[in-house]
Amino acid sequence: MKTGLFKIAMMAVIASFLAGCGDTQSGIGKLFASSSKGSGPDEFAILPTKPLQIPDDVTTLPEPDLGGPNLVDPKPFHDAVAAMGGQPKRLDSDRINRGEAPLLTAATRFGTAQNIREVTAKEDQKFREKNGPRLFERWFGTNTYFRRYEDQTLAARRELARMRRAGARTPTAPPPGDN
């Protein structure tokens, strides 16, 4: 009788120990979750706004548009085009310029899918469900992202060497230890 009670008590202790390992950000779970990086802010989601400016003539300001863009909102693509000497206003135009027509023709030669984002999201969801973390990976909070997508990753250095051997013009790349 005492042996059965002892087994039940030990099972309760083990179950409570494992339940305590669920939170990998604190407690015992933190000891085992070596690849857990924490849940800090996403530094790429925060964009600084441009400084406020008062125009010489306030009548030149556009009409307020509820939900529309703000004049001080950052426009990183526009800023990048301007920094490279381009014309950022062309990004807002739907007109296809002469130099872009051959590129668009080549890129769309096999047709385009209007819902490509939804299609790839569903395919990726199916892949993640099929290749999810295993039992111990879930218990210890191990990050399996890179291992799961390893077969779909381009080996950049090997591809660069292959393209150069084939005689293709390639951009320069930093030495192997610098990236």
Foldseek 3Di string as FASTA:
>chain_A
DVVVVVVVVVVVVVVVVLVQLQDCVDDPLVVLAPVDDDDDDDPVVDDDWADDDDDPDPVPDDDDDVVDDDPRHDDVVLVVQVVVVHHSVVVVDPDDDPVCVVVVCVVQVVHDDPPVVVVVVVVVVVLCVVVDDDDVCSSNVYDCVCVSCVVVDDPVVVVVVVCVVVVHDDDDDDPPVPD
